[in-house]
Amino acid sequence: MDLSLTTRTEGDFTIVVVGGEIDVYTAPKLREQLIDLVSGGSYHLVVDMEGVEFLDSTGLGVLVGGLKRVRAHEGTLRLVCTQERILKIFRITGLTKVFPIHASVEEALAAKD
């Protein structure tokens, strides 16, 4: 399974729609996308993970790295995820305390954090 990435802008936010598997083989593609966005001045990101079928520790590391990059610019990184198997990974690792996780892109855009 490959990784698909599409981006769009809504107001101050850049939405990154991710599909497929985020693992040791595909995570560098996501990392490069996040680095390019932040380098280009996008500091408020929403990562829509509704199409993600698998996430490993490498993928988690990329998301944490993205969060550190946007925070260096006083930005935000919000996740959209309702899939129990993916949410469980965030709960087990304690990352639910680090990332704001929302049920929809609309909810993530409306959140005040």
PDB file of N, CA and C in Angstrom:
ATOM      1  N   MET A   1       0.849  -1.186   0.000  1.00  0.00           N
ATOM      2  CA  MET A   1       0.000   0.000   0.000  1.00  0.00           C
ATOM      3  C   MET A   1       0.888   1.240   0.000  1.00  0.00           C
ATOM      4  N   ASP A   2       0.537   2.174  -0.826  1.00  0.00           N
ATOM      5  CA  ASP A   2       1.300   3.411  -0.936  1.00  0.00           C
ATOM      6  C   ASP A   2       0.649   4.483  -0.074  1.00  0.00           C
ATOM      7  N   LEU A   3       1.250   5.639  -0.078  1.00  0.00           N
ATOM      8  CA  LEU A   3       0.743   6.777   0.679  1.00  0.00           C
ATOM      9  C   LEU A   3       0.279   7.830  -0.313  1.00  0.00           C
ATOM     10  N   SER A   4      -0.951   8.328  -0.118  1.00  0.00           N
ATOM     11  CA  SER A   4      -1.421   9.427  -0.956  1.00  0.00           C
ATOM     12  C   SER A   4      -1.512  10.687  -0.109  1.00  0.00           C
ATOM     13  N   LEU A   5      -1.113  11.802  -0.693  1.00  0.00           N
ATOM     14  CA  LEU A   5      -1.135  13.090   0.001  1.00  0.00           C
ATOM     15  C   LEU A   5      -1.734  14.138  -0.921  1.00  0.00           C
ATOM     16  N   THR A   6      -2.718  14.865  -0.411  1.00  0.00           N
ATOM     17  CA  THR A   6      -3.229  16.028  -1.134  1.00  0.00           C
ATOM     18  C   THR A   6      -3.344  17.167  -0.130  1.00  0.00           C
ATOM     19  N   THR A   7      -3.165  18.377  -0.607  1.00  0.00           N
ATOM     20  CA  THR A   7      -3.278  19.524   0.290  1.00  0.00           C
ATOM     21  C   THR A   7      -4.225  20.554  -0.307  1.00  0.00           C
ATOM     22  N   ARG A   8      -4.858  21.275   0.584  1.00  0.00           N
ATOM     23  CA  ARG A   8      -5.690  22.403   0.182  1.00  0.00           C
ATOM     24  C   ARG A   8      -5.648  23.432   1.297  1.00  0.00           C
ATOM     25  N   THR A   9      -5.993  24.657   0.967  1.00  0.00           N
ATOM     26  CA  THR A   9      -5.969  25.734   1.947  1.00  0.00           C
ATOM     27  C   THR A   9      -7.386  26.197   2.220  1.00  0.00           C
ATOM     28  N   GLU A  10      -7.691  26.385   3.497  1.00  0.00           N
ATOM     29  CA  GLU A  10      -8.966  26.964   3.916  1.00  0.00           C
ATOM     30  C   GLU A  10      -8.641  28.029   4.951  1.00  0.00           C
ATOM     31  N   GLY A  11      -8.779  29.282   4.558  1.00  0.00           N
ATOM     32  CA  GLY A  11      -8.437  30.376   5.459  1.00  0.00           C
ATOM     33  C   GLY A  11      -6.965  30.328   5.809  1.00  0.00           C
ATOM     34  N   ASP A  12      -6.682  30.361   7.118  1.00  0.00           N
ATOM     35  CA  ASP A  12      -5.293  30.320   7.589  1.00  0.00           C
ATOM     36  C   ASP A  12      -4.737  28.904   7.659  1.00  0.00           C
ATOM     37  N   PHE A  13      -5.578  27.913   7.398  1.00  0.00           N
ATOM     38  CA  PHE A  13      -5.181  26.520   7.577  1.00  0.00           C
ATOM     39  C   PHE A  13      -4.844  25.836   6.263  1.00  0.00           C
ATOM     40  N   THR A  14      -3.862  24.954   6.336  1.00  0.00           N
ATOM     41  CA  THR A  14      -3.565  24.054   5.232  1.00  0.00           C
ATOM     42  C   THR A  14      -3.987  22.666   5.685  1.00  0.00           C
ATOM     43  N   ILE A  15      -4.838  22.033   4.885  1.00  0.00           N
ATOM     44  CA  ILE A  15      -5.325  20.701   5.210  1.00  0.00           C
ATOM     45  C   ILE A  15      -4.529  19.698   4.383  1.00  0.00           C
ATOM     46  N   VAL A  16      -3.954  18.722   5.061  1.00  0.00           N
ATOM     47  CA  VAL A  16      -3.199  17.654   4.413  1.00  0.00           C
ATOM     48  C   VAL A  16      -4.042  16.389   4.546  1.00  0.00           C
ATOM     49  N   VAL A  17      -4.538  15.888   3.423  1.00  0.00           N
ATOM     50  CA  VAL A  17      -5.352  14.675   3.434  1.00  0.00           C
ATOM     51  C   VAL A  17      -4.429  13.499   3.135  1.00  0.00           C
ATOM     52  N   VAL A  18      -4.374  12.564   4.089  1.00  0.00           N
ATOM     53  CA  VAL A  18      -3.456  11.431   4.001  1.00  0.00           C
ATOM     54  C   VAL A  18      -4.259  10.157   3.803  1.00  0.00           C
ATOM     55  N   GLY A  19      -3.810   9.318   2.887  1.00  0.00           N
ATOM     56  CA  GLY A  19      -4.461   8.031   2.665  1.00  0.00           C
ATOM     57  C   GLY A  19      -3.438   6.928   2.544  1.00  0.00           C
ATOM     58  N   GLY A  20      -3.832   5.727   2.943  1.00  0.00           N
ATOM     59  CA  GLY A  20      -2.943   4.571   2.833  1.00  0.00           C
ATOM     60  C   GLY A  20      -2.246   4.246   4.136  1.00  0.00           C
ATOM     61  N   GLU A  21      -0.992   3.883   4.028  1.00  0.00           N
ATOM     62  CA  GLU A  21      -0.225   3.454   5.195  1.00  0.00           C
ATOM     63  C   GLU A  21       0.918   4.429   5.467  1.00  0.00           C
ATOM     64  N   ILE A  22       1.060   4.801   6.746  1.00  0.00           N
ATOM     65  CA  ILE A  22       2.194   5.632   7.156  1.00  0.00           C
ATOM     66  C   ILE A  22       3.126   4.712   7.938  1.00  0.00           C
ATOM     67  N   ASP A  23       4.177   4.270   7.257  1.00  0.00           N
ATOM     68  CA  ASP A  23       5.116   3.348   7.887  1.00  0.00           C
ATOM     69  C   ASP A  23       6.547   3.749   7.543  1.00  0.00           C
ATOM     70  N   VAL A  24       7.477   2.898   7.872  1.00  0.00           N
ATOM     71  CA  VAL A  24       8.890   3.217   7.688  1.00  0.00           C
ATOM     72  C   VAL A  24       9.218   3.514   6.218  1.00  0.00           C
ATOM     73  N   TYR A  25       8.457   2.952   5.290  1.00  0.00           N
ATOM     74  CA  TYR A  25       8.721   3.166   3.863  1.00  0.00           C
ATOM     75  C   TYR A  25       8.070   4.433   3.324  1.00  0.00           C
ATOM     76  N   THR A  26       6.890   4.784   3.841  1.00  0.00           N
ATOM     77  CA  THR A  26       6.147   5.914   3.285  1.00  0.00           C
ATOM     78  C   THR A  26       6.255   7.185   4.119  1.00  0.00           C
ATOM     79  N   ALA A  27       6.659   7.066   5.374  1.00  0.00           N
ATOM     80  CA  ALA A  27       6.723   8.228   6.264  1.00  0.00           C
ATOM     81  C   ALA A  27       7.615   9.355   5.729  1.00  0.00           C
ATOM     82  N   PRO A  28       8.740   9.050   5.059  1.00  0.00           N
ATOM     83  CA  PRO A  28       9.556  10.160   4.535  1.00  0.00           C
ATOM     84  C   PRO A  28       8.787  11.069   3.572  1.00  0.00           C
ATOM     85  N   LYS A  29       7.846  10.512   2.827  1.00  0.00           N
ATOM     86  CA  LYS A  29       7.036  11.315   1.905  1.00  0.00           C
ATOM     87  C   LYS A  29       6.188  12.323   2.689  1.00  0.00           C
ATOM     88  N   LEU A  30       5.585  11.869   3.793  1.00  0.00           N
ATOM     89  CA  LEU A  30       4.797  12.764   4.637  1.00  0.00           C
ATOM     90  C   LEU A  30       5.710  13.794   5.302  1.00  0.00           C
ATOM     91  N   ARG A  31       6.869  13.354   5.778  1.00  0.00           N
ATOM     92  CA  ARG A  31       7.818  14.272   6.420  1.00  0.00           C
ATOM     93  C   ARG A  31       8.190  15.406   5.462  1.00  0.00           C
ATOM     94  N   GLU A  32       8.537  15.051   4.222  1.00  0.00           N
ATOM     95  CA  GLU A  32       8.908  16.066   3.230  1.00  0.00           C
ATOM     96  C   GLU A  32       7.760  17.039   2.974  1.00  0.00           C
ATOM     97  N   GLN A  33       6.541  16.516   2.900  1.00  0.00           N
ATOM     98  CA  GLN A  33       5.370  17.375   2.671  1.00  0.00           C
ATOM     99  C   GLN A  33       5.218  18.385   3.809  1.00  0.00           C
ATOM    100  N   LEU A  34       5.335  17.917   5.056  1.00  0.00           N
ATOM    101  CA  LEU A  34       5.186  18.809   6.209  1.00  0.00           C
ATOM    102  C   LEU A  34       6.314  19.844   6.249  1.00  0.00           C
ATOM    103  N   ILE A  35       7.538  19.417   5.968  1.00  0.00           N
ATOM    104  CA  ILE A  35       8.674  20.349   5.942  1.00  0.00           C
ATOM    105  C   ILE A  35       8.457  21.414   4.867  1.00  0.00           C
ATOM    106  N   ASP A  36       8.021  20.993   3.688  1.00  0.00           N
ATOM    107  CA  ASP A  36       7.783  21.940   2.589  1.00  0.00           C
ATOM    108  C   ASP A  36       6.703  22.948   2.958  1.00  0.00           C
ATOM    109  N   LEU A  37       5.636  22.473   3.591  1.00  0.00           N
ATOM    110  CA  LEU A  37       4.546  23.379   3.971  1.00  0.00           C
ATOM    111  C   LEU A  37       5.018  24.424   4.977  1.00  0.00           C
ATOM    112  N   VAL A  38       5.725  23.969   6.019  1.00  0.00           N
ATOM    113  CA  VAL A  38       6.199  24.904   7.046  1.00  0.00           C
ATOM    114  C   VAL A  38       7.238  25.852   6.455  1.00  0.00           C
ATOM    115  N   SER A  39       8.119  25.336   5.620  1.00  0.00           N
ATOM    116  CA  SER A  39       9.120  26.187   4.965  1.00  0.00           C
ATOM    117  C   SER A  39       8.453  27.247   4.096  1.00  0.00           C
ATOM    118  N   GLY A  40       7.285  26.898   3.545  1.00  0.00           N
ATOM    119  CA  GLY A  40       6.549  27.828   2.699  1.00  0.00           C
ATOM    120  C   GLY A  40       5.650  28.783   3.464  1.00  0.00           C
ATOM    121  N   GLY A  41       5.677  28.714   4.793  1.00  0.00           N
ATOM    122  CA  GLY A  41       4.915  29.653   5.602  1.00  0.00           C
ATOM    123  C   GLY A  41       3.571  29.152   6.092  1.00  0.00           C
ATOM    124  N   SER A  42       3.278  27.863   5.903  1.00  0.00           N
ATOM    125  CA  SER A  42       2.030  27.282   6.420  1.00  0.00           C
ATOM    126  C   SER A  42       2.289  26.785   7.841  1.00  0.00           C
ATOM    127  N   TYR A  43       1.788  27.524   8.830  1.00  0.00           N
ATOM    128  CA  TYR A  43       2.062  27.180  10.228  1.00  0.00           C
ATOM    129  C   TYR A  43       0.842  26.627  10.953  1.00  0.00           C
ATOM    130  N   HIS A  44      -0.299  26.583  10.282  1.00  0.00           N
ATOM    131  CA  HIS A  44      -1.512  26.023  10.885  1.00  0.00           C
ATOM    132  C   HIS A  44      -1.977  24.881   9.994  1.00  0.00           C
ATOM    133  N   LEU A  45      -1.694  23.661  10.461  1.00  0.00           N
ATOM    134  CA  LEU A  45      -1.959  22.479   9.658  1.00  0.00           C
ATOM    135  C   LEU A  45      -3.050  21.616  10.285  1.00  0.00           C
ATOM    136  N   VAL A  46      -3.861  21.023   9.414  1.00  0.00           N
ATOM    137  CA  VAL A  46      -4.816  19.999   9.811  1.00  0.00           C
ATOM    138  C   VAL A  46      -4.454  18.766   8.997  1.00  0.00           C
ATOM    139  N   VAL A  47      -4.116  17.682   9.682  1.00  0.00           N
ATOM    140  CA  VAL A  47      -3.780  16.435   9.003  1.00  0.00           C
ATOM    141  C   VAL A  47      -4.993  15.517   9.107  1.00  0.00           C
ATOM    142  N   ASP A  48      -5.651  15.325   7.953  1.00  0.00           N
ATOM    143  CA  ASP A  48      -6.847  14.488   7.881  1.00  0.00           C
ATOM    144  C   ASP A  48      -6.406  13.046   7.664  1.00  0.00           C
ATOM    145  N   MET A  49      -6.563  12.232   8.708  1.00  0.00           N
ATOM    146  CA  MET A  49      -6.087  10.846   8.681  1.00  0.00           C
ATOM    147  C   MET A  49      -7.213   9.834   8.494  1.00  0.00           C
ATOM    148  N   GLU A  50      -8.365  10.293   8.025  1.00  0.00           N
ATOM    149  CA  GLU A  50      -9.508   9.386   7.860  1.00  0.00           C
ATOM    150  C   GLU A  50      -9.222   8.260   6.867  1.00  0.00           C
ATOM    151  N   GLY A  51      -8.328   8.508   5.902  1.00  0.00           N
ATOM    152  CA  GLY A  51      -8.004   7.491   4.906  1.00  0.00           C
ATOM    153  C   GLY A  51      -6.785   6.657   5.257  1.00  0.00           C
ATOM    154  N   VAL A  52      -6.258   6.827   6.467  1.00  0.00           N
ATOM    155  CA  VAL A  52      -5.063   6.077   6.878  1.00  0.00           C
ATOM    156  C   VAL A  52      -5.479   4.695   7.372  1.00  0.00           C
ATOM    157  N   GLU A  53      -4.854   3.679   6.797  1.00  0.00           N
ATOM    158  CA  GLU A  53      -5.183   2.302   7.159  1.00  0.00           C
ATOM    159  C   GLU A  53      -4.206   1.709   8.154  1.00  0.00           C
ATOM    160  N   PHE A  54      -3.001   2.301   8.237  1.00  0.00           N
ATOM    161  CA  PHE A  54      -1.977   1.773   9.126  1.00  0.00           C
ATOM    162  C   PHE A  54      -1.046   2.905   9.527  1.00  0.00           C
ATOM    163  N   LEU A  55      -0.641   2.895  10.785  1.00  0.00           N
ATOM    164  CA  LEU A  55       0.279   3.907  11.304  1.00  0.00           C
ATOM    165  C   LEU A  55       1.254   3.219  12.234  1.00  0.00           C
ATOM    166  N   ASP A  56       2.561   3.410  11.993  1.00  0.00           N
ATOM    167  CA  ASP A  56       3.555   2.821  12.898  1.00  0.00           C
ATOM    168  C   ASP A  56       4.333   3.921  13.616  1.00  0.00           C
ATOM    169  N   SER A  57       5.338   3.506  14.383  1.00  0.00           N
ATOM    170  CA  SER A  57       6.084   4.473  15.196  1.00  0.00           C
ATOM    171  C   SER A  57       6.820   5.496  14.338  1.00  0.00           C
ATOM    172  N   THR A  58       7.235   5.098  13.142  1.00  0.00           N
ATOM    173  CA  THR A  58       7.892   6.056  12.248  1.00  0.00           C
ATOM    174  C   THR A  58       6.917   7.168  11.881  1.00  0.00           C
ATOM    175  N   GLY A  59       5.680   6.786  11.571  1.00  0.00           N
ATOM    176  CA  GLY A  59       4.647   7.768  11.246  1.00  0.00           C
ATOM    177  C   GLY A  59       4.353   8.692  12.410  1.00  0.00           C
ATOM    178  N   LEU A  60       4.300   8.134  13.610  1.00  0.00           N
ATOM    179  CA  LEU A  60       4.093   8.963  14.800  1.00  0.00           C
ATOM    180  C   LEU A  60       5.226   9.972  14.947  1.00  0.00           C
ATOM    181  N   GLY A  61       6.450   9.513  14.696  1.00  0.00           N
ATOM    182  CA  GLY A  61       7.607  10.403  14.796  1.00  0.00           C
ATOM    183  C   GLY A  61       7.527  11.553  13.800  1.00  0.00           C
ATOM    184  N   VAL A  62       7.035  11.282  12.599  1.00  0.00           N
ATOM    185  CA  VAL A  62       6.883  12.326  11.592  1.00  0.00           C
ATOM    186  C   VAL A  62       5.848  13.360  12.056  1.00  0.00           C
ATOM    187  N   LEU A  63       4.742  12.896  12.626  1.00  0.00           N
ATOM    188  CA  LEU A  63       3.713  13.821  13.115  1.00  0.00           C
ATOM    189  C   LEU A  63       4.245  14.674  14.264  1.00  0.00           C
ATOM    190  N   VAL A  64       4.994  14.065  15.184  1.00  0.00           N
ATOM    191  CA  VAL A  64       5.582  14.818  16.294  1.00  0.00           C
ATOM    192  C   VAL A  64       6.580  15.843  15.751  1.00  0.00           C
ATOM    193  N   GLY A  65       7.382  15.436  14.772  1.00  0.00           N
ATOM    194  CA  GLY A  65       8.328  16.368  14.154  1.00  0.00           C
ATOM    195  C   GLY A  65       7.613  17.537  13.490  1.00  0.00           C
ATOM    196  N   GLY A  66       6.499  17.254  12.832  1.00  0.00           N
ATOM    197  CA  GLY A  66       5.697  18.311  12.214  1.00  0.00           C
ATOM    198  C   GLY A  66       5.143  19.270  13.247  1.00  0.00           C
ATOM    199  N   LEU A  67       4.705  18.713  14.368  1.00  0.00           N
ATOM    200  CA  LEU A  67       4.183  19.544  15.461  1.00  0.00           C
ATOM    201  C   LEU A  67       5.275  20.470  15.993  1.00  0.00           C
ATOM    202  N   LYS A  68       6.476  19.951  16.187  1.00  0.00           N
ATOM    203  CA  LYS A  68       7.594  20.776  16.669  1.00  0.00           C
ATOM    204  C   LYS A  68       7.905  21.896  15.678  1.00  0.00           C
ATOM    205  N   ARG A  69       7.855  21.580  14.386  1.00  0.00           N
ATOM    206  CA  ARG A  69       8.150  22.597  13.365  1.00  0.00           C
ATOM    207  C   ARG A  69       7.132  23.743  13.395  1.00  0.00           C
ATOM    208  N   VAL A  70       5.831  23.411  13.454  1.00  0.00           N
ATOM    209  CA  VAL A  70       4.829  24.492  13.448  1.00  0.00           C
ATOM    210  C   VAL A  70       4.853  25.272  14.761  1.00  0.00           C
ATOM    211  N   ARG A  71       5.121  24.583  15.855  1.00  0.00           N
ATOM    212  CA  ARG A  71       5.182  25.283  17.150  1.00  0.00           C
ATOM    213  C   ARG A  71       6.343  26.264  17.203  1.00  0.00           C
ATOM    214  N   ALA A  72       7.416  25.987  16.473  1.00  0.00           N
ATOM    215  CA  ALA A  72       8.551  26.906  16.418  1.00  0.00           C
ATOM    216  C   ALA A  72       8.138  28.238  15.783  1.00  0.00           C
ATOM    217  N   HIS A  73       7.011  28.223  15.062  1.00  0.00           N
ATOM    218  CA  HIS A  73       6.475  29.426  14.417  1.00  0.00           C
ATOM    219  C   HIS A  73       5.146  29.839  15.055  1.00  0.00           C
ATOM    220  N   GLU A  74       4.906  29.377  16.303  1.00  0.00           N
ATOM    221  CA  GLU A  74       3.660  29.658  17.027  1.00  0.00           C
ATOM    222  C   GLU A  74       2.447  29.127  16.280  1.00  0.00           C
ATOM    223  N   GLY A  75       2.632  28.015  15.572  1.00  0.00           N
ATOM    224  CA  GLY A  75       1.559  27.422  14.788  1.00  0.00           C
ATOM    225  C   GLY A  75       0.876  26.265  15.501  1.00  0.00           C
ATOM    226  N   THR A  76       0.000  25.584  14.759  1.00  0.00           N
ATOM    227  CA  THR A  76      -0.762  24.465  15.309  1.00  0.00           C
ATOM    228  C   THR A  76      -0.754  23.302  14.322  1.00  0.00           C
ATOM    229  N   LEU A  77      -0.885  22.104  14.859  1.00  0.00           N
ATOM    230  CA  LEU A  77      -1.067  20.916  14.043  1.00  0.00           C
ATOM    231  C   LEU A  77      -2.186  20.121  14.687  1.00  0.00           C
ATOM    232  N   ARG A  78      -3.302  20.022  13.975  1.00  0.00           N
ATOM    233  CA  ARG A  78      -4.471  19.297  14.481  1.00  0.00           C
ATOM    234  C   ARG A  78      -4.678  18.060  13.626  1.00  0.00           C
ATOM    235  N   LEU A  79      -5.130  16.994  14.262  1.00  0.00           N
ATOM    236  CA  LEU A  79      -5.382  15.748  13.552  1.00  0.00           C
ATOM    237  C   LEU A  79      -6.883  15.507  13.435  1.00  0.00           C
ATOM    238  N   VAL A  80      -7.273  14.871  12.331  1.00  0.00           N
ATOM    239  CA  VAL A  80      -8.648  14.409  12.156  1.00  0.00           C
ATOM    240  C   VAL A  80      -8.584  12.898  12.059  1.00  0.00           C
ATOM    241  N   CYS A  81      -9.231  12.228  13.016  1.00  0.00           N
ATOM    242  CA  CYS A  81      -9.207  10.765  13.029  1.00  0.00           C
ATOM    243  C   CYS A  81     -10.374  10.248  13.859  1.00  0.00           C
ATOM    244  N   THR A  82     -11.145   9.331  13.263  1.00  0.00           N
ATOM    245  CA  THR A  82     -12.231   8.688  14.011  1.00  0.00           C
ATOM    246  C   THR A  82     -12.057   7.169  14.046  1.00  0.00           C
ATOM    247  N   GLN A  83     -11.027   6.667  13.394  1.00  0.00           N
ATOM    248  CA  GLN A  83     -10.819   5.219  13.330  1.00  0.00           C
ATOM    249  C   GLN A  83     -10.245   4.700  14.647  1.00  0.00           C
ATOM    250  N   GLU A  84     -10.952   3.783  15.248  1.00  0.00           N
ATOM    251  CA  GLU A  84     -10.565   3.280  16.566  1.00  0.00           C
ATOM    252  C   GLU A  84      -9.160   2.683  16.569  1.00  0.00           C
ATOM    253  N   ARG A  85      -8.798   1.938  15.526  1.00  0.00           N
ATOM    254  CA  ARG A  85      -7.472   1.278  15.517  1.00  0.00           C
ATOM    255  C   ARG A  85      -6.335   2.300  15.463  1.00  0.00           C
ATOM    256  N   ILE A  86      -6.568   3.442  14.839  1.00  0.00           N
ATOM    257  CA  ILE A  86      -5.537   4.487  14.786  1.00  0.00           C
ATOM    258  C   ILE A  86      -5.557   5.298  16.089  1.00  0.00           C
ATOM    259  N   LEU A  87      -6.761   5.617  16.573  1.00  0.00           N
ATOM    260  CA  LEU A  87      -6.882   6.367  17.836  1.00  0.00           C
ATOM    261  C   LEU A  87      -6.233   5.606  18.990  1.00  0.00           C
ATOM    262  N   LYS A  88      -6.354   4.285  18.960  1.00  0.00           N
ATOM    263  CA  LYS A  88      -5.778   3.451  20.017  1.00  0.00           C
ATOM    264  C   LYS A  88      -4.262   3.657  20.105  1.00  0.00           C
ATOM    265  N   ILE A  89      -3.612   3.814  18.961  1.00  0.00           N
ATOM    266  CA  ILE A  89      -2.156   4.043  18.933  1.00  0.00           C
ATOM    267  C   ILE A  89      -1.831   5.362  19.645  1.00  0.00           C
ATOM    268  N   PHE A  90      -2.633   6.396  19.388  1.00  0.00           N
ATOM    269  CA  PHE A  90      -2.394   7.686  20.044  1.00  0.00           C
ATOM    270  C   PHE A  90      -2.645   7.583  21.551  1.00  0.00           C
ATOM    271  N   ARG A  91      -3.660   6.820  21.943  1.00  0.00           N
ATOM    272  CA  ARG A  91      -3.952   6.656  23.382  1.00  0.00           C
ATOM    273  C   ARG A  91      -2.829   5.895  24.084  1.00  0.00           C
ATOM    274  N   ILE A  92      -2.395   4.787  23.489  1.00  0.00           N
ATOM    275  CA  ILE A  92      -1.356   3.947  24.100  1.00  0.00           C
ATOM    276  C   ILE A  92      -0.058   4.729  24.285  1.00  0.00           C
ATOM    277  N   THR A  93       0.278   5.568  23.312  1.00  0.00           N
ATOM    278  CA  THR A  93       1.538   6.309  23.359  1.00  0.00           C
ATOM    279  C   THR A  93       1.422   7.608  24.160  1.00  0.00           C
ATOM    280  N   GLY A  94       0.209   7.956  24.595  1.00  0.00           N
ATOM    281  CA  GLY A  94       0.021   9.195  25.344  1.00  0.00           C
ATOM    282  C   GLY A  94      -0.045  10.435  24.464  1.00  0.00           C
ATOM    283  N   LEU A  95      -0.063  10.249  23.153  1.00  0.00           N
ATOM    284  CA  LEU A  95      -0.050  11.397  22.245  1.00  0.00           C
ATOM    285  C   LEU A  95      -1.406  12.096  22.127  1.00  0.00           C
ATOM    286  N   THR A  96      -2.442  11.525  22.745  1.00  0.00           N
ATOM    287  CA  THR A  96      -3.728  12.242  22.777  1.00  0.00           C
ATOM    288  C   THR A  96      -3.600  13.506  23.629  1.00  0.00           C
ATOM    289  N   LYS A  97      -2.596  13.532  24.501  1.00  0.00           N
ATOM    290  CA  LYS A  97      -2.360  14.724  25.329  1.00  0.00           C
ATOM    291  C   LYS A  97      -1.542  15.775  24.569  1.00  0.00           C
ATOM    292  N   VAL A  98      -0.919  15.371  23.470  1.00  0.00           N
ATOM    293  CA  VAL A  98      -0.043  16.243  22.703  1.00  0.00           C
ATOM    294  C   VAL A  98      -0.769  16.835  21.491  1.00  0.00           C
ATOM    295  N   PHE A  99      -1.527  15.989  20.807  1.00  0.00           N
ATOM    296  CA  PHE A  99      -2.231  16.415  19.591  1.00  0.00           C
ATOM    297  C   PHE A  99      -3.709  16.658  19.866  1.00  0.00           C
ATOM    298  N   PRO A 100      -4.251  17.768  19.371  1.00  0.00           N
ATOM    299  CA  PRO A 100      -5.709  17.902  19.360  1.00  0.00           C
ATOM    300  C   PRO A 100      -6.244  16.986  18.254  1.00  0.00           C
ATOM    301  N   ILE A 101      -7.118  16.047  18.626  1.00  0.00           N
ATOM    302  CA  ILE A 101      -7.675  15.095  17.658  1.00  0.00           C
ATOM    303  C   ILE A 101      -9.166  15.373  17.523  1.00  0.00           C
ATOM    304  N   HIS A 102      -9.596  15.574  16.275  1.00  0.00           N
ATOM    305  CA  HIS A 102     -10.974  15.965  15.996  1.00  0.00           C
ATOM    306  C   HIS A 102     -11.675  14.924  15.131  1.00  0.00           C
ATOM    307  N   ALA A 103     -13.013  14.974  15.132  1.00  0.00           N
ATOM    308  CA  ALA A 103     -13.820  14.007  14.387  1.00  0.00           C
ATOM    309  C   ALA A 103     -14.011  14.397  12.926  1.00  0.00           C
ATOM    310  N   SER A 104     -13.780  15.660  12.576  1.00  0.00           N
ATOM    311  CA  SER A 104     -13.950  16.097  11.194  1.00  0.00           C
ATOM    312  C   SER A 104     -13.042  17.294  10.925  1.00  0.00           C
ATOM    313  N   VAL A 105     -12.800  17.554   9.655  1.00  0.00           N
ATOM    314  CA  VAL A 105     -12.001  18.719   9.273  1.00  0.00           C
ATOM    315  C   VAL A 105     -12.703  19.986   9.735  1.00  0.00           C
ATOM    316  N   GLU A 106     -14.016  20.026   9.578  1.00  0.00           N
ATOM    317  CA  GLU A 106     -14.790  21.200   9.993  1.00  0.00           C
ATOM    318  C   GLU A 106     -14.619  21.484  11.477  1.00  0.00           C
ATOM    319  N   GLU A 107     -14.660  20.421  12.278  1.00  0.00           N
ATOM    320  CA  GLU A 107     -14.465  20.568  13.730  1.00  0.00           C
ATOM    321  C   GLU A 107     -13.053  21.067  14.048  1.00  0.00           C
ATOM    322  N   ALA A 108     -12.066  20.539  13.336  1.00  0.00           N
ATOM    323  CA  ALA A 108     -10.677  20.942  13.556  1.00  0.00           C
ATOM    324  C   ALA A 108     -10.481  22.418  13.194  1.00  0.00           C
ATOM    325  N   LEU A 109     -11.112  22.850  12.104  1.00  0.00           N
ATOM    326  CA  LEU A 109     -10.971  24.243  11.684  1.00  0.00           C
ATOM    327  C   LEU A 109     -11.639  25.200  12.674  1.00  0.00           C
ATOM    328  N   ALA A 110     -12.734  24.759  13.288  1.00  0.00           N
ATOM    329  CA  ALA A 110     -13.496  25.604  14.200  1.00  0.00           C
ATOM    330  C   ALA A 110     -12.911  25.634  15.614  1.00  0.00           C
ATOM    331  N   ALA A 111     -12.031  24.671  15.934  1.00  0.00           N
ATOM    332  CA  ALA A 111     -11.503  24.540  17.296  1.00  0.00           C
ATOM    333  C   ALA A 111     -10.682  25.758  17.689  1.00  0.00           C
ATOM    334  N   LYS A 112     -10.748  26.072  18.962  1.00  0.00           N
ATOM    335  CA  LYS A 112      -9.949  27.175  19.522  1.00  0.00           C
ATOM    336  C   LYS A 112      -8.897  26.551  20.454  1.00  0.00           C
ATOM    337  N   ASP A 113      -7.680  26.420  19.930  1.00  0.00           N
ATOM    338  CA  ASP A 113      -6.639  25.873  20.804  1.00  0.00           C
ATOM    339  C   ASP A 113      -5.345  26.642  20.643  1.00  0.00           C
TER     340      ASP A 113
END
